[in-house]
Amino acid sequence: MIHERTPLNLNEVKTILEEIPESEKKEEINTFLKKFLKTKNESAKKIKEELEKLDLLKIKREHVVKIIDLLPQDASDLNKIFIDVSLTEDETNKILEIIKKNK
């Protein structure tokens, strides 16, 4: 039963997965995480906290999750995440600086 729909980054999924008993699906998810997980849990938490501290109305929870999972390197990569919103150059630079600092 679904209680709540909240976007999760891959680190959060990994943490939740550790609490689930062993199964074939758990192994499939672990294999996926090994392929695509780019950040350590501590780095992901720091990036999330700092992005939330920016207090920009344009940045939604979905955007934060994608930023943590994809770790965009430049403005063009970041703009692929923010399809529905246009960021100013200053906002883009702040986000990219947070990513570089906490990799």
PDB file of N, CA and C in Angstrom:
ATOM      1  N   MET A   1       0.838  -1.177   0.000  1.00  0.00           N
ATOM      2  CA  MET A   1       0.000   0.000   0.000  1.00  0.00           C
ATOM      3  C   MET A   1       0.884   1.241   0.000  1.00  0.00           C
ATOM      4  N   ILE A   2       0.562   2.179  -0.846  1.00  0.00           N
ATOM      5  CA  ILE A   2       1.318   3.420  -0.950  1.00  0.00           C
ATOM      6  C   ILE A   2       0.762   4.409   0.072  1.00  0.00           C
ATOM      7  N   HIS A   3       1.642   4.901   0.939  1.00  0.00           N
ATOM      8  CA  HIS A   3       1.233   5.870   1.946  1.00  0.00           C
ATOM      9  C   HIS A   3       1.532   7.294   1.504  1.00  0.00           C
ATOM     10  N   GLU A   4       2.613   7.435   0.773  1.00  0.00           N
ATOM     11  CA  GLU A   4       3.067   8.772   0.411  1.00  0.00           C
ATOM     12  C   GLU A   4       3.935   8.678  -0.841  1.00  0.00           C
ATOM     13  N   ARG A   5       3.849   9.676  -1.696  1.00  0.00           N
ATOM     14  CA  ARG A   5       4.679   9.723  -2.902  1.00  0.00           C
ATOM     15  C   ARG A   5       5.702  10.822  -2.719  1.00  0.00           C
ATOM     16  N   THR A   6       6.940  10.423  -2.470  1.00  0.00           N
ATOM     17  CA  THR A   6       8.022  11.370  -2.274  1.00  0.00           C
ATOM     18  C   THR A   6       9.191  10.953  -3.161  1.00  0.00           C
ATOM     19  N   PRO A   7       9.708  11.873  -3.975  1.00  0.00           N
ATOM     20  CA  PRO A   7      10.880  11.528  -4.785  1.00  0.00           C
ATOM     21  C   PRO A   7      12.084  11.235  -3.889  1.00  0.00           C
ATOM     22  N   LEU A   8      12.813  10.174  -4.217  1.00  0.00           N
ATOM     23  CA  LEU A   8      13.993   9.780  -3.455  1.00  0.00           C
ATOM     24  C   LEU A   8      15.200   9.729  -4.368  1.00  0.00           C
ATOM     25  N   ASN A   9      16.349  10.182  -3.862  1.00  0.00           N
ATOM     26  CA  ASN A   9      17.565  10.001  -4.642  1.00  0.00           C
ATOM     27  C   ASN A   9      18.064   8.571  -4.423  1.00  0.00           C
ATOM     28  N   LEU A  10      19.016   8.154  -5.213  1.00  0.00           N
ATOM     29  CA  LEU A  10      19.470   6.762  -5.164  1.00  0.00           C
ATOM     30  C   LEU A  10      20.082   6.383  -3.824  1.00  0.00           C
ATOM     31  N   ASN A  11      20.707   7.328  -3.144  1.00  0.00           N
ATOM     32  CA  ASN A  11      21.260   7.045  -1.816  1.00  0.00           C
ATOM     33  C   ASN A  11      20.159   6.741  -0.810  1.00  0.00           C
ATOM     34  N   GLU A  12      19.068   7.465  -0.896  1.00  0.00           N
ATOM     35  CA  GLU A  12      17.935   7.214  -0.014  1.00  0.00           C
ATOM     36  C   GLU A  12      17.312   5.850  -0.313  1.00  0.00           C
ATOM     37  N   VAL A  13      17.250   5.488  -1.576  1.00  0.00           N
ATOM     38  CA  VAL A  13      16.733   4.179  -1.962  1.00  0.00           C
ATOM     39  C   VAL A  13      17.621   3.079  -1.382  1.00  0.00           C
ATOM     40  N   LYS A  14      18.918   3.267  -1.479  1.00  0.00           N
ATOM     41  CA  LYS A  14      19.862   2.277  -0.944  1.00  0.00           C
ATOM     42  C   LYS A  14      19.673   2.099   0.565  1.00  0.00           C
ATOM     43  N   THR A  15      19.469   3.191   1.286  1.00  0.00           N
ATOM     44  CA  THR A  15      19.258   3.131   2.731  1.00  0.00           C
ATOM     45  C   THR A  15      17.980   2.360   3.066  1.00  0.00           C
ATOM     46  N   ILE A  16      16.916   2.639   2.347  1.00  0.00           N
ATOM     47  CA  ILE A  16      15.650   1.941   2.576  1.00  0.00           C
ATOM     48  C   ILE A  16      15.784   0.468   2.208  1.00  0.00           C
ATOM     49  N   LEU A  17      16.518   0.194   1.155  1.00  0.00           N
ATOM     50  CA  LEU A  17      16.688  -1.176   0.679  1.00  0.00           C
ATOM     51  C   LEU A  17      17.391  -2.059   1.706  1.00  0.00           C
ATOM     52  N   GLU A  18      18.254  -1.471   2.510  1.00  0.00           N
ATOM     53  CA  GLU A  18      18.968  -2.238   3.531  1.00  0.00           C
ATOM     54  C   GLU A  18      18.023  -2.810   4.582  1.00  0.00           C
ATOM     55  N   GLU A  19      16.862  -2.200   4.760  1.00  0.00           N
ATOM     56  CA  GLU A  19      15.895  -2.646   5.755  1.00  0.00           C
ATOM     57  C   GLU A  19      14.972  -3.746   5.234  1.00  0.00           C
ATOM     58  N   ILE A  20      15.007  -3.984   3.940  1.00  0.00           N
ATOM     59  CA  ILE A  20      14.117  -4.970   3.317  1.00  0.00           C
ATOM     60  C   ILE A  20      14.787  -6.342   3.329  1.00  0.00           C
ATOM     61  N   PRO A  21      14.019  -7.398   3.612  1.00  0.00           N
ATOM     62  CA  PRO A  21      14.604  -8.743   3.601  1.00  0.00           C
ATOM     63  C   PRO A  21      15.094  -9.142   2.201  1.00  0.00           C
ATOM     64  N   GLU A  22      16.034 -10.063   2.174  1.00  0.00           N
ATOM     65  CA  GLU A  22      16.617 -10.517   0.912  1.00  0.00           C
ATOM     66  C   GLU A  22      15.547 -11.095  -0.020  1.00  0.00           C
ATOM     67  N   SER A  23      15.659 -10.741  -1.303  1.00  0.00           N
ATOM     68  CA  SER A  23      14.759 -11.284  -2.323  1.00  0.00           C
ATOM     69  C   SER A  23      15.401 -11.064  -3.684  1.00  0.00           C
ATOM     70  N   GLU A  24      14.782 -11.630  -4.683  1.00  0.00           N
ATOM     71  CA  GLU A  24      15.294 -11.475  -6.047  1.00  0.00           C
ATOM     72  C   GLU A  24      15.181 -10.020  -6.500  1.00  0.00           C
ATOM     73  N   LYS A  25      14.084  -9.369  -6.159  1.00  0.00           N
ATOM     74  CA  LYS A  25      13.905  -7.957  -6.526  1.00  0.00           C
ATOM     75  C   LYS A  25      14.953  -7.074  -5.861  1.00  0.00           C
ATOM     76  N   LYS A  26      15.281  -7.390  -4.606  1.00  0.00           N
ATOM     77  CA  LYS A  26      16.289  -6.606  -3.896  1.00  0.00           C
ATOM     78  C   LYS A  26      17.628  -6.722  -4.608  1.00  0.00           C
ATOM     79  N   GLU A  27      17.967  -7.903  -5.088  1.00  0.00           N
ATOM     80  CA  GLU A  27      19.214  -8.093  -5.830  1.00  0.00           C
ATOM     81  C   GLU A  27      19.219  -7.288  -7.130  1.00  0.00           C
ATOM     82  N   GLU A  28      18.082  -7.258  -7.815  1.00  0.00           N
ATOM     83  CA  GLU A  28      17.978  -6.485  -9.052  1.00  0.00           C
ATOM     84  C   GLU A  28      18.198  -4.991  -8.776  1.00  0.00           C
ATOM     85  N   ILE A  29      17.595  -4.514  -7.717  1.00  0.00           N
ATOM     86  CA  ILE A  29      17.730  -3.099  -7.367  1.00  0.00           C
ATOM     87  C   ILE A  29      19.170  -2.796  -6.957  1.00  0.00           C
ATOM     88  N   ASN A  30      19.793  -3.699  -6.202  1.00  0.00           N
ATOM     89  CA  ASN A  30      21.198  -3.509  -5.813  1.00  0.00           C
ATOM     90  C   ASN A  30      22.104  -3.448  -7.036  1.00  0.00           C
ATOM     91  N   THR A  31      21.860  -4.286  -8.015  1.00  0.00           N
ATOM     92  CA  THR A  31      22.642  -4.274  -9.249  1.00  0.00           C
ATOM     93  C   THR A  31      22.484  -2.933  -9.966  1.00  0.00           C
ATOM     94  N   PHE A  32      21.268  -2.446 -10.017  1.00  0.00           N
ATOM     95  CA  PHE A  32      21.002  -1.143 -10.626  1.00  0.00           C
ATOM     96  C   PHE A  32      21.743  -0.038  -9.881  1.00  0.00           C
ATOM     97  N   LEU A  33      21.672  -0.069  -8.555  1.00  0.00           N
ATOM     98  CA  LEU A  33      22.331   0.965  -7.752  1.00  0.00           C
ATOM     99  C   LEU A  33      23.840   0.949  -7.952  1.00  0.00           C
ATOM    100  N   LYS A  34      24.431  -0.221  -8.054  1.00  0.00           N
ATOM    101  CA  LYS A  34      25.879  -0.311  -8.272  1.00  0.00           C
ATOM    102  C   LYS A  34      26.284   0.334  -9.591  1.00  0.00           C
ATOM    103  N   LYS A  35      25.420   0.234 -10.597  1.00  0.00           N
ATOM    104  CA  LYS A  35      25.718   0.824 -11.900  1.00  0.00           C
ATOM    105  C   LYS A  35      25.609   2.342 -11.897  1.00  0.00           C
ATOM    106  N   PHE A  36      24.587   2.861 -11.229  1.00  0.00           N
ATOM    107  CA  PHE A  36      24.238   4.269 -11.403  1.00  0.00           C
ATOM    108  C   PHE A  36      24.471   5.166 -10.200  1.00  0.00           C
ATOM    109  N   LEU A  37      24.780   4.639  -9.052  1.00  0.00           N
ATOM    110  CA  LEU A  37      25.002   5.460  -7.871  1.00  0.00           C
ATOM    111  C   LEU A  37      26.349   6.157  -7.988  1.00  0.00           C
ATOM    112  N   LYS A  38      26.334   7.488  -8.006  1.00  0.00           N
ATOM    113  CA  LYS A  38      27.556   8.263  -8.230  1.00  0.00           C
ATOM    114  C   LYS A  38      28.112   8.901  -6.969  1.00  0.00           C
ATOM    115  N   THR A  39      27.282   9.070  -5.942  1.00  0.00           N
ATOM    116  CA  THR A  39      27.716   9.792  -4.756  1.00  0.00           C
ATOM    117  C   THR A  39      27.679   8.912  -3.520  1.00  0.00           C
ATOM    118  N   LYS A  40      28.471   9.290  -2.562  1.00  0.00           N
ATOM    119  CA  LYS A  40      28.404   8.649  -1.252  1.00  0.00           C
ATOM    120  C   LYS A  40      27.248   9.286  -0.488  1.00  0.00           C
ATOM    121  N   ASN A  41      26.750   8.577   0.500  1.00  0.00           N
ATOM    122  CA  ASN A  41      25.591   9.035   1.255  1.00  0.00           C
ATOM    123  C   ASN A  41      25.838  10.401   1.908  1.00  0.00           C
ATOM    124  N   GLU A  42      27.038  10.592   2.461  1.00  0.00           N
ATOM    125  CA  GLU A  42      27.356  11.858   3.121  1.00  0.00           C
ATOM    126  C   GLU A  42      27.333  13.024   2.129  1.00  0.00           C
ATOM    127  N   SER A  43      27.910  12.801   0.959  1.00  0.00           N
ATOM    128  CA  SER A  43      27.944  13.845  -0.071  1.00  0.00           C
ATOM    129  C   SER A  43      26.530  14.199  -0.527  1.00  0.00           C
ATOM    130  N   ALA A  44      25.703  13.182  -0.707  1.00  0.00           N
ATOM    131  CA  ALA A  44      24.327  13.418  -1.143  1.00  0.00           C
ATOM    132  C   ALA A  44      23.564  14.241  -0.111  1.00  0.00           C
ATOM    133  N   LYS A  45      23.773  13.938   1.166  1.00  0.00           N
ATOM    134  CA  LYS A  45      23.091  14.697   2.224  1.00  0.00           C
ATOM    135  C   LYS A  45      23.546  16.151   2.239  1.00  0.00           C
ATOM    136  N   LYS A  46      24.856  16.374   2.062  1.00  0.00           N
ATOM    137  CA  LYS A  46      25.381  17.738   2.058  1.00  0.00           C
ATOM    138  C   LYS A  46      24.837  18.541   0.879  1.00  0.00           C
ATOM    139  N   ILE A  47      24.817  17.918  -0.295  1.00  0.00           N
ATOM    140  CA  ILE A  47      24.293  18.593  -1.478  1.00  0.00           C
ATOM    141  C   ILE A  47      22.822  18.946  -1.261  1.00  0.00           C
ATOM    142  N   LYS A  48      22.061  18.002  -0.741  1.00  0.00           N
ATOM    143  CA  LYS A  48      20.639  18.238  -0.494  1.00  0.00           C
ATOM    144  C   LYS A  48      20.433  19.395   0.489  1.00  0.00           C
ATOM    145  N   GLU A  49      21.177  19.383   1.587  1.00  0.00           N
ATOM    146  CA  GLU A  49      21.048  20.444   2.592  1.00  0.00           C
ATOM    147  C   GLU A  49      21.390  21.815   2.012  1.00  0.00           C
ATOM    148  N   GLU A  50      22.486  21.873   1.269  1.00  0.00           N
ATOM    149  CA  GLU A  50      22.919  23.161   0.728  1.00  0.00           C
ATOM    150  C   GLU A  50      21.973  23.682  -0.357  1.00  0.00           C
ATOM    151  N   LEU A  51      21.417  22.780  -1.155  1.00  0.00           N
ATOM    152  CA  LEU A  51      20.448  23.216  -2.160  1.00  0.00           C
ATOM    153  C   LEU A  51      19.183  23.740  -1.485  1.00  0.00           C
ATOM    154  N   GLU A  52      18.782  23.097  -0.404  1.00  0.00           N
ATOM    155  CA  GLU A  52      17.601  23.566   0.323  1.00  0.00           C
ATOM    156  C   GLU A  52      17.873  24.906   1.012  1.00  0.00           C
ATOM    157  N   LYS A  53      19.123  25.137   1.432  1.00  0.00           N
ATOM    158  CA  LYS A  53      19.488  26.413   2.067  1.00  0.00           C
ATOM    159  C   LYS A  53      19.428  27.573   1.080  1.00  0.00           C
ATOM    160  N   LEU A  54      19.597  27.291  -0.212  1.00  0.00           N
ATOM    161  CA  LEU A  54      19.494  28.358  -1.215  1.00  0.00           C
ATOM    162  C   LEU A  54      18.109  28.992  -1.191  1.00  0.00           C
ATOM    163  N   ASP A  55      17.113  28.200  -0.796  1.00  0.00           N
ATOM    164  CA  ASP A  55      15.741  28.674  -0.646  1.00  0.00           C
ATOM    165  C   ASP A  55      15.212  29.310  -1.929  1.00  0.00           C
ATOM    166  N   LEU A  56      15.476  28.666  -3.042  1.00  0.00           N
ATOM    167  CA  LEU A  56      14.966  29.141  -4.329  1.00  0.00           C
ATOM    168  C   LEU A  56      13.626  28.466  -4.614  1.00  0.00           C
ATOM    169  N   LEU A  57      12.623  29.251  -4.924  1.00  0.00           N
ATOM    170  CA  LEU A  57      11.300  28.699  -5.185  1.00  0.00           C
ATOM    171  C   LEU A  57      11.277  27.832  -6.445  1.00  0.00           C
ATOM    172  N   LYS A  58      12.221  28.070  -7.343  1.00  0.00           N
ATOM    173  CA  LYS A  58      12.261  27.317  -8.594  1.00  0.00           C
ATOM    174  C   LYS A  58      12.706  25.877  -8.388  1.00  0.00           C
ATOM    175  N   ILE A  59      13.460  25.619  -7.327  1.00  0.00           N
ATOM    176  CA  ILE A  59      14.007  24.279  -7.104  1.00  0.00           C
ATOM    177  C   ILE A  59      13.017  23.460  -6.286  1.00  0.00           C
ATOM    178  N   LYS A  60      12.470  22.447  -6.918  1.00  0.00           N
ATOM    179  CA  LYS A  60      11.524  21.549  -6.253  1.00  0.00           C
ATOM    180  C   LYS A  60      12.272  20.298  -5.790  1.00  0.00           C
ATOM    181  N   ARG A  61      11.612  19.512  -4.988  1.00  0.00           N
ATOM    182  CA  ARG A  61      12.202  18.265  -4.464  1.00  0.00           C
ATOM    183  C   ARG A  61      12.654  17.349  -5.618  1.00  0.00           C
ATOM    184  N   GLU A  62      11.872  17.301  -6.685  1.00  0.00           N
ATOM    185  CA  GLU A  62      12.222  16.467  -7.838  1.00  0.00           C
ATOM    186  C   GLU A  62      13.542  16.913  -8.463  1.00  0.00           C
ATOM    187  N   HIS A  63      13.746  18.232  -8.505  1.00  0.00           N
ATOM    188  CA  HIS A  63      14.982  18.771  -9.071  1.00  0.00           C
ATOM    189  C   HIS A  63      16.182  18.397  -8.203  1.00  0.00           C
ATOM    190  N   VAL A  64      16.020  18.518  -6.893  1.00  0.00           N
ATOM    191  CA  VAL A  64      17.111  18.192  -5.971  1.00  0.00           C
ATOM    192  C   VAL A  64      17.517  16.731  -6.139  1.00  0.00           C
ATOM    193  N   VAL A  65      16.536  15.856  -6.244  1.00  0.00           N
ATOM    194  CA  VAL A  65      16.808  14.422  -6.414  1.00  0.00           C
ATOM    195  C   VAL A  65      17.597  14.180  -7.693  1.00  0.00           C
ATOM    196  N   LYS A  66      17.176  14.790  -8.780  1.00  0.00           N
ATOM    197  CA  LYS A  66      17.878  14.602 -10.061  1.00  0.00           C
ATOM    198  C   LYS A  66      19.287  15.190 -10.031  1.00  0.00           C
ATOM    199  N   ILE A  67      19.447  16.318  -9.371  1.00  0.00           N
ATOM    200  CA  ILE A  67      20.781  16.918  -9.263  1.00  0.00           C
ATOM    201  C   ILE A  67      21.714  15.973  -8.518  1.00  0.00           C
ATOM    202  N   ILE A  68      21.250  15.393  -7.428  1.00  0.00           N
ATOM    203  CA  ILE A  68      22.079  14.471  -6.640  1.00  0.00           C
ATOM    204  C   ILE A  68      22.400  13.212  -7.448  1.00  0.00           C
ATOM    205  N   ASP A  69      21.418  12.696  -8.168  1.00  0.00           N
ATOM    206  CA  ASP A  69      21.626  11.455  -8.923  1.00  0.00           C
ATOM    207  C   ASP A  69      22.503  11.649 -10.157  1.00  0.00           C
ATOM    208  N   LEU A  70      22.367  12.778 -10.828  1.00  0.00           N
ATOM    209  CA  LEU A  70      23.081  12.986 -12.093  1.00  0.00           C
ATOM    210  C   LEU A  70      24.366  13.797 -11.966  1.00  0.00           C
ATOM    211  N   LEU A  71      24.487  14.601 -10.925  1.00  0.00           N
ATOM    212  CA  LEU A  71      25.656  15.452 -10.711  1.00  0.00           C
ATOM    213  C   LEU A  71      26.066  16.201 -11.979  1.00  0.00           C
ATOM    214  N   PRO A  72      25.230  17.135 -12.437  1.00  0.00           N
ATOM    215  CA  PRO A  72      25.556  17.872 -13.661  1.00  0.00           C
ATOM    216  C   PRO A  72      26.866  18.654 -13.517  1.00  0.00           C
ATOM    217  N   GLN A  73      27.635  18.686 -14.597  1.00  0.00           N
ATOM    218  CA  GLN A  73      28.949  19.322 -14.578  1.00  0.00           C
ATOM    219  C   GLN A  73      28.950  20.752 -15.090  1.00  0.00           C
ATOM    220  N   ASP A  74      27.963  21.096 -15.913  1.00  0.00           N
ATOM    221  CA  ASP A  74      27.927  22.445 -16.476  1.00  0.00           C
ATOM    222  C   ASP A  74      26.482  22.908 -16.634  1.00  0.00           C
ATOM    223  N   ALA A  75      26.322  24.128 -17.104  1.00  0.00           N
ATOM    224  CA  ALA A  75      24.998  24.738 -17.210  1.00  0.00           C
ATOM    225  C   ALA A  75      24.084  23.976 -18.167  1.00  0.00           C
ATOM    226  N   SER A  76      24.631  23.456 -19.248  1.00  0.00           N
ATOM    227  CA  SER A  76      23.778  22.729 -20.195  1.00  0.00           C
ATOM    228  C   SER A  76      23.236  21.443 -19.576  1.00  0.00           C
ATOM    229  N   ASP A  77      24.062  20.749 -18.795  1.00  0.00           N
ATOM    230  CA  ASP A  77      23.584  19.546 -18.094  1.00  0.00           C
ATOM    231  C   ASP A  77      22.515  19.914 -17.069  1.00  0.00           C
ATOM    232  N   LEU A  78      22.733  20.993 -16.365  1.00  0.00           N
ATOM    233  CA  LEU A  78      21.787  21.427 -15.343  1.00  0.00           C
ATOM    234  C   LEU A  78      20.454  21.847 -15.970  1.00  0.00           C
ATOM    235  N   ASN A  79      20.514  22.498 -17.120  1.00  0.00           N
ATOM    236  CA  ASN A  79      19.288  22.930 -17.792  1.00  0.00           C
ATOM    237  C   ASN A  79      18.449  21.760 -18.288  1.00  0.00           C
ATOM    238  N   LYS A  80      19.064  20.608 -18.483  1.00  0.00           N
ATOM    239  CA  LYS A  80      18.312  19.414 -18.873  1.00  0.00           C
ATOM    240  C   LYS A  80      17.438  18.921 -17.725  1.00  0.00           C
ATOM    241  N   ILE A  81      17.827  19.222 -16.520  1.00  0.00           N
ATOM    242  CA  ILE A  81      17.026  18.852 -15.344  1.00  0.00           C
ATOM    243  C   ILE A  81      15.880  19.843 -15.164  1.00  0.00           C
ATOM    244  N   PHE A  82      16.164  21.121 -15.367  1.00  0.00           N
ATOM    245  CA  PHE A  82      15.173  22.183 -15.185  1.00  0.00           C
ATOM    246  C   PHE A  82      14.490  22.504 -16.507  1.00  0.00           C
ATOM    247  N   ILE A  83      13.754  21.558 -17.043  1.00  0.00           N
ATOM    248  CA  ILE A  83      13.083  21.738 -18.330  1.00  0.00           C
ATOM    249  C   ILE A  83      11.939  22.739 -18.210  1.00  0.00           C
ATOM    250  N   ASP A  84      11.186  22.657 -17.129  1.00  0.00           N
ATOM    251  CA  ASP A  84       9.999  23.493 -16.963  1.00  0.00           C
ATOM    252  C   ASP A  84      10.285  24.872 -16.362  1.00  0.00           C
ATOM    253  N   VAL A  85      11.526  25.095 -15.936  1.00  0.00           N
ATOM    254  CA  VAL A  85      11.894  26.348 -15.272  1.00  0.00           C
ATOM    255  C   VAL A  85      13.196  26.853 -15.874  1.00  0.00           C
ATOM    256  N   SER A  86      13.318  28.167 -16.011  1.00  0.00           N
ATOM    257  CA  SER A  86      14.598  28.704 -16.475  1.00  0.00           C
ATOM    258  C   SER A  86      15.328  29.338 -15.298  1.00  0.00           C
ATOM    259  N   LEU A  87      16.559  28.948 -15.115  1.00  0.00           N
ATOM    260  CA  LEU A  87      17.387  29.465 -14.031  1.00  0.00           C
ATOM    261  C   LEU A  87      18.204  30.651 -14.527  1.00  0.00           C
ATOM    262  N   THR A  88      18.459  31.578 -13.631  1.00  0.00           N
ATOM    263  CA  THR A  88      19.350  32.674 -13.977  1.00  0.00           C
ATOM    264  C   THR A  88      20.788  32.158 -13.938  1.00  0.00           C
ATOM    265  N   GLU A  89      21.686  32.927 -14.487  1.00  0.00           N
ATOM    266  CA  GLU A  89      23.097  32.522 -14.489  1.00  0.00           C
ATOM    267  C   GLU A  89      23.628  32.402 -13.060  1.00  0.00           C
ATOM    268  N   ASP A  90      23.206  33.315 -12.191  1.00  0.00           N
ATOM    269  CA  ASP A  90      23.627  33.288 -10.790  1.00  0.00           C
ATOM    270  C   ASP A  90      23.138  32.018 -10.083  1.00  0.00           C
ATOM    271  N   GLU A  91      21.871  31.668 -10.304  1.00  0.00           N
ATOM    272  CA  GLU A  91      21.316  30.446  -9.693  1.00  0.00           C
ATOM    273  C   GLU A  91      22.046  29.209 -10.195  1.00  0.00           C
ATOM    274  N   THR A  92      22.305  29.170 -11.488  1.00  0.00           N
ATOM    275  CA  THR A  92      23.022  28.047 -12.085  1.00  0.00           C
ATOM    276  C   THR A  92      24.410  27.918 -11.479  1.00  0.00           C
ATOM    277  N   ASN A  93      25.118  29.021 -11.360  1.00  0.00           N
ATOM    278  CA  ASN A  93      26.474  28.990 -10.797  1.00  0.00           C
ATOM    279  C   ASN A  93      26.476  28.536  -9.337  1.00  0.00           C
ATOM    280  N   LYS A  94      25.494  28.976  -8.569  1.00  0.00           N
ATOM    281  CA  LYS A  94      25.401  28.563  -7.164  1.00  0.00           C
ATOM    282  C   LYS A  94      25.191  27.054  -7.054  1.00  0.00           C
ATOM    283  N   ILE A  95      24.306  26.515  -7.869  1.00  0.00           N
ATOM    284  CA  ILE A  95      24.025  25.077  -7.840  1.00  0.00           C
ATOM    285  C   ILE A  95      25.263  24.287  -8.250  1.00  0.00           C
ATOM    286  N   LEU A  96      25.914  24.703  -9.327  1.00  0.00           N
ATOM    287  CA  LEU A  96      27.107  23.996  -9.802  1.00  0.00           C
ATOM    288  C   LEU A  96      28.237  24.068  -8.781  1.00  0.00           C
ATOM    289  N   GLU A  97      28.352  25.184  -8.090  1.00  0.00           N
ATOM    290  CA  GLU A  97      29.376  25.331  -7.052  1.00  0.00           C
ATOM    291  C   GLU A  97      29.128  24.357  -5.897  1.00  0.00           C
ATOM    292  N   ILE A  98      27.882  24.198  -5.519  1.00  0.00           N
ATOM    293  CA  ILE A  98      27.535  23.246  -4.446  1.00  0.00           C
ATOM    294  C   ILE A  98      27.913  21.828  -4.860  1.00  0.00           C
ATOM    295  N   ILE A  99      27.635  21.487  -6.098  1.00  0.00           N
ATOM    296  CA  ILE A  99      27.957  20.145  -6.593  1.00  0.00           C
ATOM    297  C   ILE A  99      29.469  19.919  -6.584  1.00  0.00           C
ATOM    298  N   LYS A 100      30.225  20.875  -7.102  1.00  0.00           N
ATOM    299  CA  LYS A 100      31.680  20.735  -7.159  1.00  0.00           C
ATOM    300  C   LYS A 100      32.280  20.630  -5.776  1.00  0.00           C
ATOM    301  N   LYS A 101      31.766  21.405  -4.844  1.00  0.00           N
ATOM    302  CA  LYS A 101      32.301  21.438  -3.488  1.00  0.00           C
ATOM    303  C   LYS A 101      32.046  20.136  -2.731  1.00  0.00           C
ATOM    304  N   ASN A 102      30.950  19.467  -3.017  1.00  0.00           N
ATOM    305  CA  ASN A 102      30.540  18.300  -2.233  1.00  0.00           C
ATOM    306  C   ASN A 102      30.639  16.964  -2.968  1.00  0.00           C
ATOM    307  N   LYS A 103      31.314  16.918  -4.055  1.00  0.00           N
ATOM    308  CA  LYS A 103      31.426  15.664  -4.810  1.00  0.00           C
ATOM    309  C   LYS A 103      32.047  14.564  -4.033  1.00  0.00           C
TER     310      LYS A 103
END
